[in-house]
Amino acid sequence: MGLENISIGDFNFDGILDFAVFETSYAGPNTSSIYFLYDPKSGKYIESGFTGVSLEFDNKAKRIYERNQCCAGSQVTTAEYKVVNNKMVLIKEHCYIWDETKQDMVERKLKECE
């Protein structure tokens, strides 16, 4: 565990600070954490059940973004979630695969990234 194994933020966008504990590193830049949300009714933190790879929380847009890289960066999946009743709800997801001819990432069907 490193020095930055705990992070603080408003992960469910309710205006109250929550915390996350670093869980693991995967290949490349991919990471995961366990997120704990503050429950004002009980005065305790509860495990959120939020899951995903390299989650980023946008408090302004009230969205959670996921980015999962594979195969030395030649394949990337992204997803966007909103939070409803402290649950992550998928809005959209995309698959991008490196195209050698175009020398760029090209969107493909999601099945191709599985």
PDB file of N, CA and C in Angstrom:
ATOM      1  N   MET A   1       0.844  -1.192   0.000  1.00  0.00           N
ATOM      2  CA  MET A   1       0.000   0.000   0.000  1.00  0.00           C
ATOM      3  C   MET A   1       0.880   1.244   0.000  1.00  0.00           C
ATOM      4  N   GLY A   2       0.487   2.200  -0.798  1.00  0.00           N
ATOM      5  CA  GLY A   2       1.223   3.448  -0.876  1.00  0.00           C
ATOM      6  C   GLY A   2       0.647   4.495   0.063  1.00  0.00           C
ATOM      7  N   LEU A   3       1.200   5.666  -0.032  1.00  0.00           N
ATOM      8  CA  LEU A   3       0.748   6.759   0.827  1.00  0.00           C
ATOM      9  C   LEU A   3      -0.638   7.252   0.451  1.00  0.00           C
ATOM     10  N   GLU A   4      -1.044   7.039  -0.779  1.00  0.00           N
ATOM     11  CA  GLU A   4      -2.323   7.556  -1.230  1.00  0.00           C
ATOM     12  C   GLU A   4      -3.342   6.434  -1.385  1.00  0.00           C
ATOM     13  N   ASN A   5      -3.437   5.593  -0.399  1.00  0.00           N
ATOM     14  CA  ASN A   5      -4.365   4.466  -0.493  1.00  0.00           C
ATOM     15  C   ASN A   5      -5.771   4.831  -0.036  1.00  0.00           C
ATOM     16  N   ILE A   6      -5.953   6.027   0.531  1.00  0.00           N
ATOM     17  CA  ILE A   6      -7.285   6.502   0.930  1.00  0.00           C
ATOM     18  C   ILE A   6      -7.538   7.829   0.235  1.00  0.00           C
ATOM     19  N   SER A   7      -8.706   7.965  -0.364  1.00  0.00           N
ATOM     20  CA  SER A   7      -9.078   9.237  -0.985  1.00  0.00           C
ATOM     21  C   SER A   7     -10.428   9.681  -0.440  1.00  0.00           C
ATOM     22  N   ILE A   8     -10.637  10.974  -0.471  1.00  0.00           N
ATOM     23  CA  ILE A   8     -11.877  11.563   0.046  1.00  0.00           C
ATOM     24  C   ILE A   8     -12.536  12.341  -1.078  1.00  0.00           C
ATOM     25  N   GLY A   9     -13.845  12.200  -1.184  1.00  0.00           N
ATOM     26  CA  GLY A   9     -14.611  12.916  -2.204  1.00  0.00           C
ATOM     27  C   GLY A   9     -16.084  12.666  -1.998  1.00  0.00           C
ATOM     28  N   ASP A  10     -16.890  13.380  -2.746  1.00  0.00           N
ATOM     29  CA  ASP A  10     -18.341  13.192  -2.682  1.00  0.00           C
ATOM     30  C   ASP A  10     -18.729  12.231  -3.798  1.00  0.00           C
ATOM     31  N   PHE A  11     -18.654  10.939  -3.532  1.00  0.00           N
ATOM     32  CA  PHE A  11     -18.805   9.923  -4.564  1.00  0.00           C
ATOM     33  C   PHE A  11     -20.248   9.675  -5.004  1.00  0.00           C
ATOM     34  N   ASN A  12     -21.216  10.080  -4.194  1.00  0.00           N
ATOM     35  CA  ASN A  12     -22.624   9.921  -4.597  1.00  0.00           C
ATOM     36  C   ASN A  12     -23.302  11.263  -4.848  1.00  0.00           C
ATOM     37  N   PHE A  13     -22.523  12.342  -4.837  1.00  0.00           N
ATOM     38  CA  PHE A  13     -22.979  13.677  -5.217  1.00  0.00           C
ATOM     39  C   PHE A  13     -24.112  14.213  -4.337  1.00  0.00           C
ATOM     40  N   ASP A  14     -24.049  13.902  -3.032  1.00  0.00           N
ATOM     41  CA  ASP A  14     -25.080  14.389  -2.108  1.00  0.00           C
ATOM     42  C   ASP A  14     -24.599  15.569  -1.262  1.00  0.00           C
ATOM     43  N   GLY A  15     -23.391  16.049  -1.535  1.00  0.00           N
ATOM     44  CA  GLY A  15     -22.856  17.179  -0.794  1.00  0.00           C
ATOM     45  C   GLY A  15     -22.124  16.803   0.481  1.00  0.00           C
ATOM     46  N   ILE A  16     -22.009  15.505   0.767  1.00  0.00           N
ATOM     47  CA  ILE A  16     -21.339  15.023   1.978  1.00  0.00           C
ATOM     48  C   ILE A  16     -20.111  14.219   1.557  1.00  0.00           C
ATOM     49  N   LEU A  17     -18.974  14.481   2.216  1.00  0.00           N
ATOM     50  CA  LEU A  17     -17.746  13.771   1.864  1.00  0.00           C
ATOM     51  C   LEU A  17     -17.813  12.293   2.236  1.00  0.00           C
ATOM     52  N   ASP A  18     -17.334  11.470   1.328  1.00  0.00           N
ATOM     53  CA  ASP A  18     -17.237  10.026   1.492  1.00  0.00           C
ATOM     54  C   ASP A  18     -15.753   9.672   1.417  1.00  0.00           C
ATOM     55  N   PHE A  19     -15.423   8.387   1.513  1.00  0.00           N
ATOM     56  CA  PHE A  19     -14.025   8.006   1.342  1.00  0.00           C
ATOM     57  C   PHE A  19     -13.909   6.698   0.573  1.00  0.00           C
ATOM     58  N   ALA A  20     -12.719   6.499  -0.008  1.00  0.00           N
ATOM     59  CA  ALA A  20     -12.439   5.289  -0.774  1.00  0.00           C
ATOM     60  C   ALA A  20     -11.089   4.741  -0.339  1.00  0.00           C
ATOM     61  N   VAL A  21     -10.976   3.431  -0.385  1.00  0.00           N
ATOM     62  CA  VAL A  21      -9.730   2.744  -0.055  1.00  0.00           C
ATOM     63  C   VAL A  21      -9.248   2.046  -1.323  1.00  0.00           C
ATOM     64  N   PHE A  22      -7.989   2.320  -1.678  1.00  0.00           N
ATOM     65  CA  PHE A  22      -7.392   1.682  -2.849  1.00  0.00           C
ATOM     66  C   PHE A  22      -7.477   0.165  -2.684  1.00  0.00           C
ATOM     67  N   GLU A  23      -7.913  -0.498  -3.745  1.00  0.00           N
ATOM     68  CA  GLU A  23      -8.063  -1.954  -3.692  1.00  0.00           C
ATOM     69  C   GLU A  23      -6.918  -2.659  -4.410  1.00  0.00           C
ATOM     70  N   THR A  24      -6.754  -2.375  -5.708  1.00  0.00           N
ATOM     71  CA  THR A  24      -5.710  -3.071  -6.452  1.00  0.00           C
ATOM     72  C   THR A  24      -5.344  -2.336  -7.737  1.00  0.00           C
ATOM     73  N   SER A  25      -4.179  -2.670  -8.236  1.00  0.00           N
ATOM     74  CA  SER A  25      -3.713  -2.207  -9.543  1.00  0.00           C
ATOM     75  C   SER A  25      -3.791  -3.379 -10.500  1.00  0.00           C
ATOM     76  N   TYR A  26      -4.224  -3.096 -11.692  1.00  0.00           N
ATOM     77  CA  TYR A  26      -4.268  -4.122 -12.736  1.00  0.00           C
ATOM     78  C   TYR A  26      -3.201  -3.783 -13.763  1.00  0.00           C
ATOM     79  N   ALA A  27      -3.257  -4.400 -14.908  1.00  0.00           N
ATOM     80  CA  ALA A  27      -2.298  -4.104 -15.971  1.00  0.00           C
ATOM     81  C   ALA A  27      -2.422  -2.642 -16.403  1.00  0.00           C
ATOM     82  N   GLY A  28      -1.300  -2.040 -16.716  1.00  0.00           N
ATOM     83  CA  GLY A  28      -1.302  -0.652 -17.176  1.00  0.00           C
ATOM     84  C   GLY A  28      -1.808   0.292 -16.100  1.00  0.00           C
ATOM     85  N   PRO A  29      -2.585   1.305 -16.497  1.00  0.00           N
ATOM     86  CA  PRO A  29      -3.034   2.318 -15.549  1.00  0.00           C
ATOM     87  C   PRO A  29      -4.305   1.936 -14.784  1.00  0.00           C
ATOM     88  N   ASN A  30      -4.839   0.760 -15.016  1.00  0.00           N
ATOM     89  CA  ASN A  30      -6.115   0.364 -14.422  1.00  0.00           C
ATOM     90  C   ASN A  30      -5.994   0.117 -12.916  1.00  0.00           C
ATOM     91  N   THR A  31      -6.934   0.681 -12.164  1.00  0.00           N
ATOM     92  CA  THR A  31      -6.976   0.500 -10.709  1.00  0.00           C
ATOM     93  C   THR A  31      -8.420   0.307 -10.262  1.00  0.00           C
ATOM     94  N   SER A  32      -8.576  -0.130  -9.030  1.00  0.00           N
ATOM     95  CA  SER A  32      -9.914  -0.182  -8.438  1.00  0.00           C
ATOM     96  C   SER A  32      -9.818   0.229  -6.972  1.00  0.00           C
ATOM     97  N   SER A  33     -10.933   0.694  -6.439  1.00  0.00           N
ATOM     98  CA  SER A  33     -11.037   1.102  -5.039  1.00  0.00           C
ATOM     99  C   SER A  33     -12.350   0.604  -4.474  1.00  0.00           C
ATOM    100  N   ILE A  34     -12.452   0.608  -3.162  1.00  0.00           N
ATOM    101  CA  ILE A  34     -13.706   0.293  -2.474  1.00  0.00           C
ATOM    102  C   ILE A  34     -14.225   1.613  -1.929  1.00  0.00           C
ATOM    103  N   TYR A  35     -15.456   1.945  -2.264  1.00  0.00           N
ATOM    104  CA  TYR A  35     -16.041   3.245  -1.930  1.00  0.00           C
ATOM    105  C   TYR A  35     -17.017   3.114  -0.777  1.00  0.00           C
ATOM    106  N   PHE A  36     -16.879   4.027   0.191  1.00  0.00           N
ATOM    107  CA  PHE A  36     -17.750   4.067   1.361  1.00  0.00           C
ATOM    108  C   PHE A  36     -18.495   5.401   1.379  1.00  0.00           C
ATOM    109  N   LEU A  37     -19.821   5.326   1.485  1.00  0.00           N
ATOM    110  CA  LEU A  37     -20.674   6.513   1.476  1.00  0.00           C
ATOM    111  C   LEU A  37     -21.169   6.806   2.885  1.00  0.00           C
ATOM    112  N   TYR A  38     -21.221   8.083   3.217  1.00  0.00           N
ATOM    113  CA  TYR A  38     -21.720   8.467   4.537  1.00  0.00           C
ATOM    114  C   TYR A  38     -23.244   8.395   4.539  1.00  0.00           C
ATOM    115  N   ASP A  39     -23.793   7.719   5.529  1.00  0.00           N
ATOM    116  CA  ASP A  39     -25.243   7.602   5.706  1.00  0.00           C
ATOM    117  C   ASP A  39     -25.666   8.521   6.843  1.00  0.00           C
ATOM    118  N   PRO A  40     -26.286   9.671   6.527  1.00  0.00           N
ATOM    119  CA  PRO A  40     -26.649  10.622   7.581  1.00  0.00           C
ATOM    120  C   PRO A  40     -27.651  10.058   8.598  1.00  0.00           C
ATOM    121  N   LYS A  41     -28.469   9.105   8.187  1.00  0.00           N
ATOM    122  CA  LYS A  41     -29.460   8.528   9.106  1.00  0.00           C
ATOM    123  C   LYS A  41     -28.787   7.750  10.230  1.00  0.00           C
ATOM    124  N   SER A  42     -27.774   6.946   9.880  1.00  0.00           N
ATOM    125  CA  SER A  42     -27.106   6.124  10.892  1.00  0.00           C
ATOM    126  C   SER A  42     -25.860   6.796  11.455  1.00  0.00           C
ATOM    127  N   GLY A  43     -25.354   7.814  10.733  1.00  0.00           N
ATOM    128  CA  GLY A  43     -24.118   8.461  11.155  1.00  0.00           C
ATOM    129  C   GLY A  43     -22.891   7.601  10.895  1.00  0.00           C
ATOM    130  N   LYS A  44     -23.032   6.612  10.007  1.00  0.00           N
ATOM    131  CA  LYS A  44     -21.931   5.697   9.706  1.00  0.00           C
ATOM    132  C   LYS A  44     -21.655   5.674   8.207  1.00  0.00           C
ATOM    133  N   TYR A  45     -20.494   5.146   7.869  1.00  0.00           N
ATOM    134  CA  TYR A  45     -20.141   4.930   6.467  1.00  0.00           C
ATOM    135  C   TYR A  45     -20.542   3.519   6.068  1.00  0.00           C
ATOM    136  N   ILE A  46     -21.107   3.398   4.870  1.00  0.00           N
ATOM    137  CA  ILE A  46     -21.522   2.089   4.370  1.00  0.00           C
ATOM    138  C   ILE A  46     -20.804   1.817   3.046  1.00  0.00           C
ATOM    139  N   GLU A  47     -20.460   0.549   2.817  1.00  0.00           N
ATOM    140  CA  GLU A  47     -19.827   0.195   1.548  1.00  0.00           C
ATOM    141  C   GLU A  47     -20.836   0.409   0.427  1.00  0.00           C
ATOM    142  N   SER A  48     -20.414   1.112  -0.611  1.00  0.00           N
ATOM    143  CA  SER A  48     -21.328   1.546  -1.663  1.00  0.00           C
ATOM    144  C   SER A  48     -21.713   0.456  -2.651  1.00  0.00           C
ATOM    145  N   GLY A  49     -20.813  -0.473  -2.895  1.00  0.00           N
ATOM    146  CA  GLY A  49     -21.055  -1.436  -3.961  1.00  0.00           C
ATOM    147  C   GLY A  49     -20.661  -0.876  -5.326  1.00  0.00           C
ATOM    148  N   PHE A  50     -20.136   0.365  -5.371  1.00  0.00           N
ATOM    149  CA  PHE A  50     -19.661   0.937  -6.628  1.00  0.00           C
ATOM    150  C   PHE A  50     -18.503   0.078  -7.125  1.00  0.00           C
ATOM    151  N   THR A  51     -18.570  -0.339  -8.373  1.00  0.00           N
ATOM    152  CA  THR A  51     -17.485  -1.133  -8.940  1.00  0.00           C
ATOM    153  C   THR A  51     -17.134  -0.590 -10.307  1.00  0.00           C
ATOM    154  N   GLY A  52     -15.905  -0.802 -10.680  1.00  0.00           N
ATOM    155  CA  GLY A  52     -15.454  -0.367 -11.991  1.00  0.00           C
ATOM    156  C   GLY A  52     -13.959  -0.165 -11.971  1.00  0.00           C
ATOM    157  N   VAL A  53     -13.421   0.077 -13.140  1.00  0.00           N
ATOM    158  CA  VAL A  53     -11.986   0.243 -13.303  1.00  0.00           C
ATOM    159  C   VAL A  53     -11.670   1.718 -13.507  1.00  0.00           C
ATOM    160  N   SER A  54     -10.739   2.223 -12.706  1.00  0.00           N
ATOM    161  CA  SER A  54     -10.260   3.604 -12.828  1.00  0.00           C
ATOM    162  C   SER A  54     -11.411   4.609 -12.863  1.00  0.00           C
ATOM    163  N   LEU A  55     -12.279   4.526 -11.870  1.00  0.00           N
ATOM    164  CA  LEU A  55     -13.434   5.427 -11.814  1.00  0.00           C
ATOM    165  C   LEU A  55     -12.989   6.858 -11.529  1.00  0.00           C
ATOM    166  N   GLU A  56     -13.632   7.794 -12.205  1.00  0.00           N
ATOM    167  CA  GLU A  56     -13.438   9.217 -11.961  1.00  0.00           C
ATOM    168  C   GLU A  56     -14.803   9.823 -11.678  1.00  0.00           C
ATOM    169  N   PHE A  57     -14.850  10.711 -10.689  1.00  0.00           N
ATOM    170  CA  PHE A  57     -16.103  11.292 -10.236  1.00  0.00           C
ATOM    171  C   PHE A  57     -16.141  12.767 -10.610  1.00  0.00           C
ATOM    172  N   ASP A  58     -17.161  13.165 -11.379  1.00  0.00           N
ATOM    173  CA  ASP A  58     -17.326  14.544 -11.828  1.00  0.00           C
ATOM    174  C   ASP A  58     -18.474  15.166 -11.039  1.00  0.00           C
ATOM    175  N   ASN A  59     -18.118  15.942 -10.008  1.00  0.00           N
ATOM    176  CA  ASN A  59     -19.145  16.531  -9.152  1.00  0.00           C
ATOM    177  C   ASN A  59     -19.978  17.579  -9.864  1.00  0.00           C
ATOM    178  N   LYS A  60     -19.402  18.266 -10.820  1.00  0.00           N
ATOM    179  CA  LYS A  60     -20.157  19.281 -11.548  1.00  0.00           C
ATOM    180  C   LYS A  60     -21.243  18.639 -12.414  1.00  0.00           C
ATOM    181  N   ALA A  61     -20.862  17.606 -13.176  1.00  0.00           N
ATOM    182  CA  ALA A  61     -21.823  16.913 -14.051  1.00  0.00           C
ATOM    183  C   ALA A  61     -22.614  15.847 -13.304  1.00  0.00           C
ATOM    184  N   LYS A  62     -22.177  15.514 -12.075  1.00  0.00           N
ATOM    185  CA  LYS A  62     -22.786  14.442 -11.278  1.00  0.00           C
ATOM    186  C   LYS A  62     -22.776  13.122 -12.055  1.00  0.00           C
ATOM    187  N   ARG A  63     -21.598  12.807 -12.550  1.00  0.00           N
ATOM    188  CA  ARG A  63     -21.407  11.586 -13.334  1.00  0.00           C
ATOM    189  C   ARG A  63     -20.157  10.856 -12.859  1.00  0.00           C
ATOM    190  N   ILE A  64     -20.165   9.548 -13.059  1.00  0.00           N
ATOM    191  CA  ILE A  64     -18.996   8.710 -12.810  1.00  0.00           C
ATOM    192  C   ILE A  64     -18.535   8.196 -14.168  1.00  0.00           C
ATOM    193  N   TYR A  65     -17.235   8.321 -14.427  1.00  0.00           N
ATOM    194  CA  TYR A  65     -16.663   7.867 -15.688  1.00  0.00           C
ATOM    195  C   TYR A  65     -15.685   6.727 -15.418  1.00  0.00           C
ATOM    196  N   GLU A  66     -15.765   5.716 -16.274  1.00  0.00           N
ATOM    197  CA  GLU A  66     -14.887   4.559 -16.154  1.00  0.00           C
ATOM    198  C   GLU A  66     -14.057   4.446 -17.432  1.00  0.00           C
ATOM    199  N   ARG A  67     -12.780   4.114 -17.258  1.00  0.00           N
ATOM    200  CA  ARG A  67     -11.894   3.900 -18.406  1.00  0.00           C
ATOM    201  C   ARG A  67     -11.052   2.661 -18.121  1.00  0.00           C
ATOM    202  N   ASN A  68     -11.184   1.672 -19.001  1.00  0.00           N
ATOM    203  CA  ASN A  68     -10.489   0.405 -18.829  1.00  0.00           C
ATOM    204  C   ASN A  68      -9.629   0.162 -20.068  1.00  0.00           C
ATOM    205  N   GLN A  69      -8.307   0.156 -19.874  1.00  0.00           N
ATOM    206  CA  GLN A  69      -7.363  -0.067 -20.961  1.00  0.00           C
ATOM    207  C   GLN A  69      -6.912  -1.511 -20.983  1.00  0.00           C
ATOM    208  N   CYS A  70      -6.702  -2.018 -22.175  1.00  0.00           N
ATOM    209  CA  CYS A  70      -6.231  -3.390 -22.329  1.00  0.00           C
ATOM    210  C   CYS A  70      -5.191  -3.427 -23.443  1.00  0.00           C
ATOM    211  N   CYS A  71      -4.429  -4.490 -23.403  1.00  0.00           N
ATOM    212  CA  CYS A  71      -3.576  -4.846 -24.539  1.00  0.00           C
ATOM    213  C   CYS A  71      -2.631  -3.715 -24.928  1.00  0.00           C
ATOM    214  N   ALA A  72      -1.879  -3.217 -23.931  1.00  0.00           N
ATOM    215  CA  ALA A  72      -0.901  -2.139 -24.130  1.00  0.00           C
ATOM    216  C   ALA A  72      -1.542  -0.874 -24.690  1.00  0.00           C
ATOM    217  N   GLY A  73      -2.795  -0.634 -24.319  1.00  0.00           N
ATOM    218  CA  GLY A  73      -3.482   0.585 -24.737  1.00  0.00           C
ATOM    219  C   GLY A  73      -4.139   0.503 -26.100  1.00  0.00           C
ATOM    220  N   SER A  74      -4.083  -0.662 -26.740  1.00  0.00           N
ATOM    221  CA  SER A  74      -4.672  -0.783 -28.074  1.00  0.00           C
ATOM    222  C   SER A  74      -6.176  -1.043 -28.035  1.00  0.00           C
ATOM    223  N   GLN A  75      -6.708  -1.218 -26.852  1.00  0.00           N
ATOM    224  CA  GLN A  75      -8.147  -1.445 -26.679  1.00  0.00           C
ATOM    225  C   GLN A  75      -8.599  -0.714 -25.417  1.00  0.00           C
ATOM    226  N   VAL A  76      -9.658   0.079 -25.534  1.00  0.00           N
ATOM    227  CA  VAL A  76     -10.151   0.872 -24.412  1.00  0.00           C
ATOM    228  C   VAL A  76     -11.669   0.785 -24.365  1.00  0.00           C
ATOM    229  N   THR A  77     -12.200   0.544 -23.188  1.00  0.00           N
ATOM    230  CA  THR A  77     -13.639   0.667 -23.000  1.00  0.00           C
ATOM    231  C   THR A  77     -13.885   1.824 -22.032  1.00  0.00           C
ATOM    232  N   THR A  78     -14.941   2.572 -22.314  1.00  0.00           N
ATOM    233  CA  THR A  78     -15.332   3.672 -21.436  1.00  0.00           C
ATOM    234  C   THR A  78     -16.804   3.503 -21.088  1.00  0.00           C
ATOM    235  N   ALA A  79     -17.169   4.038 -19.934  1.00  0.00           N
ATOM    236  CA  ALA A  79     -18.566   3.991 -19.522  1.00  0.00           C
ATOM    237  C   ALA A  79     -18.881   5.252 -18.736  1.00  0.00           C
ATOM    238  N   GLU A  80     -20.136   5.641 -18.794  1.00  0.00           N
ATOM    239  CA  GLU A  80     -20.620   6.788 -18.028  1.00  0.00           C
ATOM    240  C   GLU A  80     -21.810   6.332 -17.191  1.00  0.00           C
ATOM    241  N   TYR A  81     -21.795   6.734 -15.913  1.00  0.00           N
ATOM    242  CA  TYR A  81     -22.847   6.345 -14.978  1.00  0.00           C
ATOM    243  C   TYR A  81     -23.416   7.585 -14.296  1.00  0.00           C
ATOM    244  N   LYS A  82     -24.666   7.469 -13.881  1.00  0.00           N
ATOM    245  CA  LYS A  82     -25.236   8.443 -12.958  1.00  0.00           C
ATOM    246  C   LYS A  82     -25.510   7.690 -11.665  1.00  0.00           C
ATOM    247  N   VAL A  83     -25.744   8.418 -10.588  1.00  0.00           N
ATOM    248  CA  VAL A  83     -26.030   7.789  -9.299  1.00  0.00           C
ATOM    249  C   VAL A  83     -27.503   7.999  -8.979  1.00  0.00           C
ATOM    250  N   VAL A  84     -28.208   6.891  -8.756  1.00  0.00           N
ATOM    251  CA  VAL A  84     -29.627   6.930  -8.386  1.00  0.00           C
ATOM    252  C   VAL A  84     -29.788   6.074  -7.141  1.00  0.00           C
ATOM    253  N   ASN A  85     -30.281   6.680  -6.072  1.00  0.00           N
ATOM    254  CA  ASN A  85     -30.457   5.972  -4.810  1.00  0.00           C
ATOM    255  C   ASN A  85     -29.176   5.243  -4.386  1.00  0.00           C
ATOM    256  N   ASN A  86     -28.046   5.943  -4.505  1.00  0.00           N
ATOM    257  CA  ASN A  86     -26.720   5.420  -4.128  1.00  0.00           C
ATOM    258  C   ASN A  86     -26.302   4.182  -4.917  1.00  0.00           C
ATOM    259  N   LYS A  87     -26.816   4.043  -6.139  1.00  0.00           N
ATOM    260  CA  LYS A  87     -26.420   2.948  -7.029  1.00  0.00           C
ATOM    261  C   LYS A  87     -25.907   3.544  -8.334  1.00  0.00           C
ATOM    262  N   MET A  88     -24.888   2.916  -8.899  1.00  0.00           N
ATOM    263  CA  MET A  88     -24.384   3.334 -10.211  1.00  0.00           C
ATOM    264  C   MET A  88     -25.336   2.814 -11.291  1.00  0.00           C
ATOM    265  N   VAL A  89     -25.814   3.738 -12.142  1.00  0.00           N
ATOM    266  CA  VAL A  89     -26.716   3.373 -13.232  1.00  0.00           C
ATOM    267  C   VAL A  89     -26.016   3.714 -14.551  1.00  0.00           C
ATOM    268  N   LEU A  90     -25.796   2.692 -15.370  1.00  0.00           N
ATOM    269  CA  LEU A  90     -25.100   2.869 -16.639  1.00  0.00           C
ATOM    270  C   LEU A  90     -25.916   3.743 -17.584  1.00  0.00           C
ATOM    271  N   ILE A  91     -25.259   4.754 -18.147  1.00  0.00           N
ATOM    272  CA  ILE A  91     -25.894   5.616 -19.143  1.00  0.00           C
ATOM    273  C   ILE A  91     -25.449   5.203 -20.544  1.00  0.00           C
ATOM    274  N   LYS A  92     -24.131   5.066 -20.706  1.00  0.00           N
ATOM    275  CA  LYS A  92     -23.606   4.651 -22.013  1.00  0.00           C
ATOM    276  C   LYS A  92     -22.219   4.057 -21.844  1.00  0.00           C
ATOM    277  N   GLU A  93     -21.840   3.238 -22.822  1.00  0.00           N
ATOM    278  CA  GLU A  93     -20.494   2.672 -22.824  1.00  0.00           C
ATOM    279  C   GLU A  93     -20.014   2.537 -24.261  1.00  0.00           C
ATOM    280  N   HIS A  94     -18.692   2.572 -24.415  1.00  0.00           N
ATOM    281  CA  HIS A  94     -18.097   2.550 -25.740  1.00  0.00           C
ATOM    282  C   HIS A  94     -16.876   1.633 -25.750  1.00  0.00           C
ATOM    283  N   CYS A  95     -16.543   1.157 -26.935  1.00  0.00           N
ATOM    284  CA  CYS A  95     -15.367   0.323 -27.174  1.00  0.00           C
ATOM    285  C   CYS A  95     -14.535   0.988 -28.260  1.00  0.00           C
ATOM    286  N   TYR A  96     -13.239   1.129 -28.001  1.00  0.00           N
ATOM    287  CA  TYR A  96     -12.320   1.698 -28.984  1.00  0.00           C
ATOM    288  C   TYR A  96     -11.149   0.745 -29.173  1.00  0.00           C
ATOM    289  N   ILE A  97     -10.801   0.512 -30.424  1.00  0.00           N
ATOM    290  CA  ILE A  97      -9.684  -0.371 -30.756  1.00  0.00           C
ATOM    291  C   ILE A  97      -8.747   0.360 -31.716  1.00  0.00           C
ATOM    292  N   TRP A  98      -7.453   0.201 -31.489  1.00  0.00           N
ATOM    293  CA  TRP A  98      -6.443   0.847 -32.319  1.00  0.00           C
ATOM    294  C   TRP A  98      -6.540   0.320 -33.746  1.00  0.00           C
ATOM    295  N   ASP A  99      -6.603   1.247 -34.701  1.00  0.00           N
ATOM    296  CA  ASP A  99      -6.636   0.914 -36.120  1.00  0.00           C
ATOM    297  C   ASP A  99      -5.279   1.289 -36.709  1.00  0.00           C
ATOM    298  N   GLU A 100      -4.533   0.290 -37.109  1.00  0.00           N
ATOM    299  CA  GLU A 100      -3.177   0.509 -37.621  1.00  0.00           C
ATOM    300  C   GLU A 100      -3.201   1.366 -38.883  1.00  0.00           C
ATOM    301  N   THR A 101      -4.189   1.173 -39.742  1.00  0.00           N
ATOM    302  CA  THR A 101      -4.277   1.939 -40.987  1.00  0.00           C
ATOM    303  C   THR A 101      -4.530   3.416 -40.710  1.00  0.00           C
ATOM    304  N   LYS A 102      -5.458   3.708 -39.802  1.00  0.00           N
ATOM    305  CA  LYS A 102      -5.810   5.097 -39.489  1.00  0.00           C
ATOM    306  C   LYS A 102      -4.873   5.719 -38.455  1.00  0.00           C
ATOM    307  N   GLN A 103      -4.077   4.855 -37.803  1.00  0.00           N
ATOM    308  CA  GLN A 103      -3.182   5.321 -36.739  1.00  0.00           C
ATOM    309  C   GLN A 103      -3.965   6.089 -35.671  1.00  0.00           C
ATOM    310  N   ASP A 104      -5.105   5.506 -35.291  1.00  0.00           N
ATOM    311  CA  ASP A 104      -5.975   6.156 -34.307  1.00  0.00           C
ATOM    312  C   ASP A 104      -6.899   5.104 -33.686  1.00  0.00           C
ATOM    313  N   MET A 105      -7.463   5.474 -32.541  1.00  0.00           N
ATOM    314  CA  MET A 105      -8.475   4.616 -31.918  1.00  0.00           C
ATOM    315  C   MET A 105      -9.777   4.781 -32.690  1.00  0.00           C
ATOM    316  N   VAL A 106     -10.442   3.668 -32.966  1.00  0.00           N
ATOM    317  CA  VAL A 106     -11.684   3.685 -33.731  1.00  0.00           C
ATOM    318  C   VAL A 106     -12.751   2.991 -32.906  1.00  0.00           C
ATOM    319  N   GLU A 107     -13.937   3.601 -32.851  1.00  0.00           N
ATOM    320  CA  GLU A 107     -15.021   2.986 -32.083  1.00  0.00           C
ATOM    321  C   GLU A 107     -15.515   1.734 -32.788  1.00  0.00           C
ATOM    322  N   ARG A 108     -15.719   0.700 -31.979  1.00  0.00           N
ATOM    323  CA  ARG A 108     -16.197  -0.588 -32.472  1.00  0.00           C
ATOM    324  C   ARG A 108     -17.407  -1.013 -31.640  1.00  0.00           C
ATOM    325  N   LYS A 109     -18.008  -2.128 -32.032  1.00  0.00           N
ATOM    326  CA  LYS A 109     -19.104  -2.673 -31.238  1.00  0.00           C
ATOM    327  C   LYS A 109     -18.538  -3.145 -29.904  1.00  0.00           C
ATOM    328  N   LEU A 110     -19.322  -2.992 -28.857  1.00  0.00           N
ATOM    329  CA  LEU A 110     -18.887  -3.328 -27.510  1.00  0.00           C
ATOM    330  C   LEU A 110     -18.396  -4.773 -27.405  1.00  0.00           C
ATOM    331  N   LYS A 111     -19.003  -5.681 -28.141  1.00  0.00           N
ATOM    332  CA  LYS A 111     -18.614  -7.096 -28.125  1.00  0.00           C
ATOM    333  C   LYS A 111     -17.134  -7.275 -28.478  1.00  0.00           C
ATOM    334  N   GLU A 112     -16.613  -6.399 -29.336  1.00  0.00           N
ATOM    335  CA  GLU A 112     -15.231  -6.542 -29.789  1.00  0.00           C
ATOM    336  C   GLU A 112     -14.228  -6.232 -28.681  1.00  0.00           C
ATOM    337  N   CYS A 113     -14.663  -5.563 -27.628  1.00  0.00           N
ATOM    338  CA  CYS A 113     -13.773  -5.251 -26.501  1.00  0.00           C
ATOM    339  C   CYS A 113     -13.903  -6.256 -25.376  1.00  0.00           C
ATOM    340  N   GLU A 114     -14.748  -7.224 -25.517  1.00  0.00           N
ATOM    341  CA  GLU A 114     -14.946  -8.191 -24.421  1.00  0.00           C
ATOM    342  C   GLU A 114     -13.934  -9.296 -24.483  1.00  0.00           C
TER     343      GLU A 114
END
